């Protein structure tokens, strides 16, 4: 049994077990820890901004 709440990658339901009753694998839903020295943060922010522009949100 997991320590934290997990989300199934197959059906999207939340569970505390590593394997969902639907048969899918569950993974943690917490975002990665923030680090001011993150070498890829700039790329992620640019990609997110570009995606928002394509969707017409910016």
PDB file of N, CA and C in Angstrom:
ATOM      1  N   UNK A   1       0.844  -1.178   0.000  1.00  0.00           N
ATOM      2  CA  UNK A   1       0.000   0.000   0.000  1.00  0.00           C
ATOM      3  C   UNK A   1       0.893   1.246   0.000  1.00  0.00           C
ATOM      4  N   UNK A   2       0.463   2.246  -0.740  1.00  0.00           N
ATOM      5  CA  UNK A   2       1.243   3.470  -0.900  1.00  0.00           C
ATOM      6  C   UNK A   2       1.072   4.402   0.295  1.00  0.00           C
ATOM      7  N   UNK A   3       2.020   5.308   0.443  1.00  0.00           N
ATOM      8  CA  UNK A   3       1.978   6.310   1.498  1.00  0.00           C
ATOM      9  C   UNK A   3       1.074   7.485   1.134  1.00  0.00           C
ATOM     10  N   UNK A   4       1.035   7.815  -0.157  1.00  0.00           N
ATOM     11  CA  UNK A   4       0.301   8.978  -0.634  1.00  0.00           C
ATOM     12  C   UNK A   4      -0.804   8.549  -1.586  1.00  0.00           C
ATOM     13  N   UNK A   5      -1.690   9.485  -1.887  1.00  0.00           N
ATOM     14  CA  UNK A   5      -2.759   9.197  -2.830  1.00  0.00           C
ATOM     15  C   UNK A   5      -2.168   9.075  -4.236  1.00  0.00           C
ATOM     16  N   UNK A   6      -2.664   8.124  -4.989  1.00  0.00           N
ATOM     17  CA  UNK A   6      -2.187   7.855  -6.341  1.00  0.00           C
ATOM     18  C   UNK A   6      -3.339   7.998  -7.316  1.00  0.00           C
ATOM     19  N   UNK A   7      -3.005   8.243  -8.583  1.00  0.00           N
ATOM     20  CA  UNK A   7      -4.027   8.353  -9.618  1.00  0.00           C
ATOM     21  C   UNK A   7      -3.733   7.341 -10.711  1.00  0.00           C
ATOM     22  N   UNK A   8      -4.780   6.658 -11.153  1.00  0.00           N
ATOM     23  CA  UNK A   8      -4.644   5.640 -12.192  1.00  0.00           C
ATOM     24  C   UNK A   8      -4.354   6.307 -13.535  1.00  0.00           C
ATOM     25  N   UNK A   9      -3.390   5.772 -14.271  1.00  0.00           N
ATOM     26  CA  UNK A   9      -3.045   6.318 -15.575  1.00  0.00           C
ATOM     27  C   UNK A   9      -4.029   5.859 -16.649  1.00  0.00           C
ATOM     28  N   UNK A  10      -4.800   4.826 -16.356  1.00  0.00           N
ATOM     29  CA  UNK A  10      -5.731   4.280 -17.336  1.00  0.00           C
ATOM     30  C   UNK A  10      -7.120   4.922 -17.242  1.00  0.00           C
ATOM     31  N   UNK A  11      -7.696   4.947 -16.027  1.00  0.00           N
ATOM     32  CA  UNK A  11      -9.069   5.444 -15.879  1.00  0.00           C
ATOM     33  C   UNK A  11      -9.151   6.805 -15.190  1.00  0.00           C
ATOM     34  N   UNK A  12      -8.063   7.245 -14.518  1.00  0.00           N
ATOM     35  CA  UNK A  12      -8.049   8.548 -13.879  1.00  0.00           C
ATOM     36  C   UNK A  12      -8.599   8.583 -12.470  1.00  0.00           C
ATOM     37  N   UNK A  13      -9.004   7.446 -11.930  1.00  0.00           N
ATOM     38  CA  UNK A  13      -9.530   7.401 -10.567  1.00  0.00           C
ATOM     39  C   UNK A  13      -8.390   7.439  -9.558  1.00  0.00           C
ATOM     40  N   UNK A  14      -8.707   7.906  -8.348  1.00  0.00           N
ATOM     41  CA  UNK A  14      -7.718   7.998  -7.280  1.00  0.00           C
ATOM     42  C   UNK A  14      -7.779   6.750  -6.410  1.00  0.00           C
ATOM     43  N   UNK A  15      -6.614   6.326  -5.916  1.00  0.00           N
ATOM     44  CA  UNK A  15      -6.521   5.124  -5.093  1.00  0.00           C
ATOM     45  C   UNK A  15      -5.295   5.217  -4.190  1.00  0.00           C
ATOM     46  N   UNK A  16      -5.217   4.332  -3.227  1.00  0.00           N
ATOM     47  CA  UNK A  16      -4.044   4.234  -2.366  1.00  0.00           C
ATOM     48  C   UNK A  16      -3.193   3.020  -2.716  1.00  0.00           C
ATOM     49  N   UNK A  17      -3.615   2.271  -3.716  1.00  0.00           N
ATOM     50  CA  UNK A  17      -2.908   1.059  -4.126  1.00  0.00           C
ATOM     51  C   UNK A  17      -2.067   1.321  -5.368  1.00  0.00           C
ATOM     52  N   UNK A  18      -0.984   0.564  -5.512  1.00  0.00           N
ATOM     53  CA  UNK A  18      -0.090   0.709  -6.658  1.00  0.00           C
ATOM     54  C   UNK A  18      -0.792   0.335  -7.962  1.00  0.00           C
ATOM     55  N   UNK A  19      -1.757  -0.601  -7.883  1.00  0.00           N
ATOM     56  CA  UNK A  19      -2.501  -1.034  -9.063  1.00  0.00           C
ATOM     57  C   UNK A  19      -3.975  -0.737  -8.859  1.00  0.00           C
ATOM     58  N   UNK A  20      -4.586  -0.110  -9.848  1.00  0.00           N
ATOM     59  CA  UNK A  20      -5.994   0.268  -9.790  1.00  0.00           C
ATOM     60  C   UNK A  20      -6.863  -0.972 -10.010  1.00  0.00           C
ATOM     61  N   UNK A  21      -8.086  -0.995  -9.480  1.00  0.00           N
ATOM     62  CA  UNK A  21      -8.986  -2.121  -9.740  1.00  0.00           C
ATOM     63  C   UNK A  21      -9.274  -2.331 -11.236  1.00  0.00           C
ATOM     64  N   UNK A  22      -9.134  -1.293 -12.057  1.00  0.00           N
ATOM     65  CA  UNK A  22      -9.370  -1.437 -13.498  1.00  0.00           C
ATOM     66  C   UNK A  22      -8.204  -2.141 -14.191  1.00  0.00           C
ATOM     67  N   UNK A  23      -7.091  -2.316 -13.464  1.00  0.00           N
ATOM     68  CA  UNK A  23      -5.925  -2.980 -14.034  1.00  0.00           C
ATOM     69  C   UNK A  23      -4.813  -2.028 -14.449  1.00  0.00           C
ATOM     70  N   UNK A  24      -5.063  -0.740 -14.333  1.00  0.00           N
ATOM     71  CA  UNK A  24      -4.061   0.255 -14.700  1.00  0.00           C
ATOM     72  C   UNK A  24      -3.058   0.481 -13.585  1.00  0.00           C
ATOM     73  N   UNK A  25      -1.930   1.087 -13.946  1.00  0.00           N
ATOM     74  CA  UNK A  25      -0.884   1.405 -12.970  1.00  0.00           C
ATOM     75  C   UNK A  25      -1.176   2.781 -12.386  1.00  0.00           C
ATOM     76  N   UNK A  26      -1.050   2.907 -11.078  1.00  0.00           N
ATOM     77  CA  UNK A  26      -1.290   4.181 -10.405  1.00  0.00           C
ATOM     78  C   UNK A  26       0.041   4.866 -10.136  1.00  0.00           C
ATOM     79  N   UNK A  27       0.046   6.200 -10.238  1.00  0.00           N
ATOM     80  CA  UNK A  27       1.263   6.966  -9.971  1.00  0.00           C
ATOM     81  C   UNK A  27       0.920   8.172  -9.120  1.00  0.00           C
ATOM     82  N   UNK A  28       1.951   8.757  -8.477  1.00  0.00           N
ATOM     83  CA  UNK A  28       1.745   9.909  -7.600  1.00  0.00           C
ATOM     84  C   UNK A  28       1.259  11.105  -8.399  1.00  0.00           C
ATOM     85  N   UNK A  29       0.421  11.913  -7.774  1.00  0.00           N
ATOM     86  CA  UNK A  29      -0.131  13.084  -8.449  1.00  0.00           C
ATOM     87  C   UNK A  29       0.540  14.377  -8.003  1.00  0.00           C
ATOM     88  N   UNK A  30       1.455  14.275  -7.048  1.00  0.00           N
ATOM     89  CA  UNK A  30       2.142  15.471  -6.575  1.00  0.00           C
ATOM     90  C   UNK A  30       3.122  15.961  -7.636  1.00  0.00           C
ATOM     91  N   UNK A  31       3.219  17.271  -7.824  1.00  0.00           N
ATOM     92  CA  UNK A  31       4.205  17.787  -8.775  1.00  0.00           C
ATOM     93  C   UNK A  31       5.618  17.627  -8.213  1.00  0.00           C
ATOM     94  N   UNK A  32       6.628  17.664  -9.074  1.00  0.00           N
ATOM     95  CA  UNK A  32       8.002  17.572  -8.572  1.00  0.00           C
ATOM     96  C   UNK A  32       8.333  18.773  -7.693  1.00  0.00           C
ATOM     97  N   UNK A  33       9.279  18.608  -6.797  1.00  0.00           N
ATOM     98  CA  UNK A  33       9.675  19.687  -5.902  1.00  0.00           C
ATOM     99  C   UNK A  33      10.244  20.859  -6.679  1.00  0.00           C
ATOM    100  N   UNK A  34       9.979  22.056  -6.168  1.00  0.00           N
ATOM    101  CA  UNK A  34      10.497  23.272  -6.790  1.00  0.00           C
ATOM    102  C   UNK A  34      11.956  23.466  -6.397  1.00  0.00           C
ATOM    103  N   UNK A  35      12.754  23.849  -7.360  1.00  0.00           N
ATOM    104  CA  UNK A  35      14.142  24.169  -7.097  1.00  0.00           C
ATOM    105  C   UNK A  35      14.498  25.425  -7.877  1.00  0.00           C
ATOM    106  N   UNK A  36      15.025  26.456  -7.231  1.00  0.00           N
ATOM    107  CA  UNK A  36      15.410  27.664  -7.965  1.00  0.00           C
ATOM    108  C   UNK A  36      16.560  27.406  -8.938  1.00  0.00           C
ATOM    109  N   UNK A  37      17.256  26.298  -8.769  1.00  0.00           N
ATOM    110  CA  UNK A  37      18.365  25.953  -9.658  1.00  0.00           C
ATOM    111  C   UNK A  37      17.939  24.956 -10.735  1.00  0.00           C
ATOM    112  N   UNK A  38      16.636  24.883 -11.015  1.00  0.00           N
ATOM    113  CA  UNK A  38      16.088  23.940 -11.985  1.00  0.00           C
ATOM    114  C   UNK A  38      16.603  24.267 -13.386  1.00  0.00           C
ATOM    115  N   UNK A  39      17.384  23.365 -14.003  1.00  0.00           N
ATOM    116  CA  UNK A  39      17.958  23.666 -15.311  1.00  0.00           C
ATOM    117  C   UNK A  39      16.928  23.616 -16.445  1.00  0.00           C
ATOM    118  N   UNK A  40      15.768  22.980 -16.244  1.00  0.00           N
ATOM    119  CA  UNK A  40      14.786  22.837 -17.314  1.00  0.00           C
ATOM    120  C   UNK A  40      13.548  23.705 -17.111  1.00  0.00           C
ATOM    121  N   UNK A  41      13.510  24.488 -16.038  1.00  0.00           N
ATOM    122  CA  UNK A  41      12.357  25.331 -15.745  1.00  0.00           C
ATOM    123  C   UNK A  41      12.056  26.323 -16.852  1.00  0.00           C
ATOM    124  N   UNK A  42      13.083  26.901 -17.424  1.00  0.00           N
ATOM    125  CA  UNK A  42      12.901  27.878 -18.496  1.00  0.00           C
ATOM    126  C   UNK A  42      12.231  27.231 -19.709  1.00  0.00           C
ATOM    127  N   UNK A  43      12.662  26.023 -20.063  1.00  0.00           N
ATOM    128  CA  UNK A  43      12.084  25.319 -21.203  1.00  0.00           C
ATOM    129  C   UNK A  43      10.616  24.972 -20.943  1.00  0.00           C
ATOM    130  N   UNK A  44      10.306  24.515 -19.720  1.00  0.00           N
ATOM    131  CA  UNK A  44       8.920  24.167 -19.383  1.00  0.00           C
ATOM    132  C   UNK A  44       8.009  25.387 -19.461  1.00  0.00           C
ATOM    133  N   UNK A  45       8.488  26.522 -18.937  1.00  0.00           N
ATOM    134  CA  UNK A  45       7.669  27.738 -18.979  1.00  0.00           C
ATOM    135  C   UNK A  45       7.430  28.200 -20.415  1.00  0.00           C
ATOM    136  N   UNK A  46       8.453  28.121 -21.275  1.00  0.00           N
ATOM    137  CA  UNK A  46       8.298  28.510 -22.671  1.00  0.00           C
ATOM    138  C   UNK A  46       7.331  27.569 -23.395  1.00  0.00           C
ATOM    139  N   UNK A  47       7.423  26.276 -23.120  1.00  0.00           N
ATOM    140  CA  UNK A  47       6.532  25.303 -23.754  1.00  0.00           C
ATOM    141  C   UNK A  47       5.088  25.530 -23.304  1.00  0.00           C
ATOM    142  N   UNK A  48       4.901  25.819 -22.019  1.00  0.00           N
ATOM    143  CA  UNK A  48       3.559  26.068 -21.500  1.00  0.00           C
ATOM    144  C   UNK A  48       2.976  27.339 -22.124  1.00  0.00           C
ATOM    145  N   UNK A  49       3.787  28.382 -22.238  1.00  0.00           N
ATOM    146  CA  UNK A  49       3.328  29.632 -22.840  1.00  0.00           C
ATOM    147  C   UNK A  49       2.941  29.419 -24.303  1.00  0.00           C
ATOM    148  N   UNK A  50       3.744  28.645 -25.027  1.00  0.00           N
ATOM    149  CA  UNK A  50       3.460  28.364 -26.433  1.00  0.00           C
ATOM    150  C   UNK A  50       2.148  27.583 -26.567  1.00  0.00           C
ATOM    151  N   UNK A  51       1.937  26.613 -25.702  1.00  0.00           N
ATOM    152  CA  UNK A  51       0.700  25.829 -25.739  1.00  0.00           C
ATOM    153  C   UNK A  51      -0.509  26.721 -25.452  1.00  0.00           C
ATOM    154  N   UNK A  52      -0.374  27.628 -24.503  1.00  0.00           N
ATOM    155  CA  UNK A  52      -1.473  28.548 -24.189  1.00  0.00           C
ATOM    156  C   UNK A  52      -1.763  29.456 -25.373  1.00  0.00           C
ATOM    157  N   UNK A  53      -0.717  29.922 -26.059  1.00  0.00           N
ATOM    158  CA  UNK A  53      -0.919  30.786 -27.225  1.00  0.00           C
ATOM    159  C   UNK A  53      -1.641  30.028 -28.338  1.00  0.00           C
ATOM    160  N   UNK A  54      -1.291  28.760 -28.541  1.00  0.00           N
ATOM    161  CA  UNK A  54      -1.939  27.951 -29.568  1.00  0.00           C
ATOM    162  C   UNK A  54      -3.407  27.708 -29.249  1.00  0.00           C
ATOM    163  N   UNK A  55      -3.739  27.646 -27.961  1.00  0.00           N
ATOM    164  CA  UNK A  55      -5.128  27.443 -27.534  1.00  0.00           C
ATOM    165  C   UNK A  55      -5.903  28.763 -27.469  1.00  0.00           C
ATOM    166  N   UNK A  56      -5.213  29.873 -27.678  1.00  0.00           N
ATOM    167  CA  UNK A  56      -5.862  31.167 -27.634  1.00  0.00           C
ATOM    168  C   UNK A  56      -6.113  31.678 -26.238  1.00  0.00           C
ATOM    169  N   UNK A  57      -5.367  31.187 -25.267  1.00  0.00           N
ATOM    170  CA  UNK A  57      -5.562  31.609 -23.881  1.00  0.00           C
ATOM    171  C   UNK A  57      -4.714  32.817 -23.524  1.00  0.00           C
ATOM    172  N   UNK A  58      -3.725  33.150 -24.353  1.00  0.00           N
ATOM    173  CA  UNK A  58      -2.901  34.338 -24.124  1.00  0.00           C
ATOM    174  C   UNK A  58      -3.049  35.313 -25.261  1.00  0.00           C
TER     175      UNK A  58
END
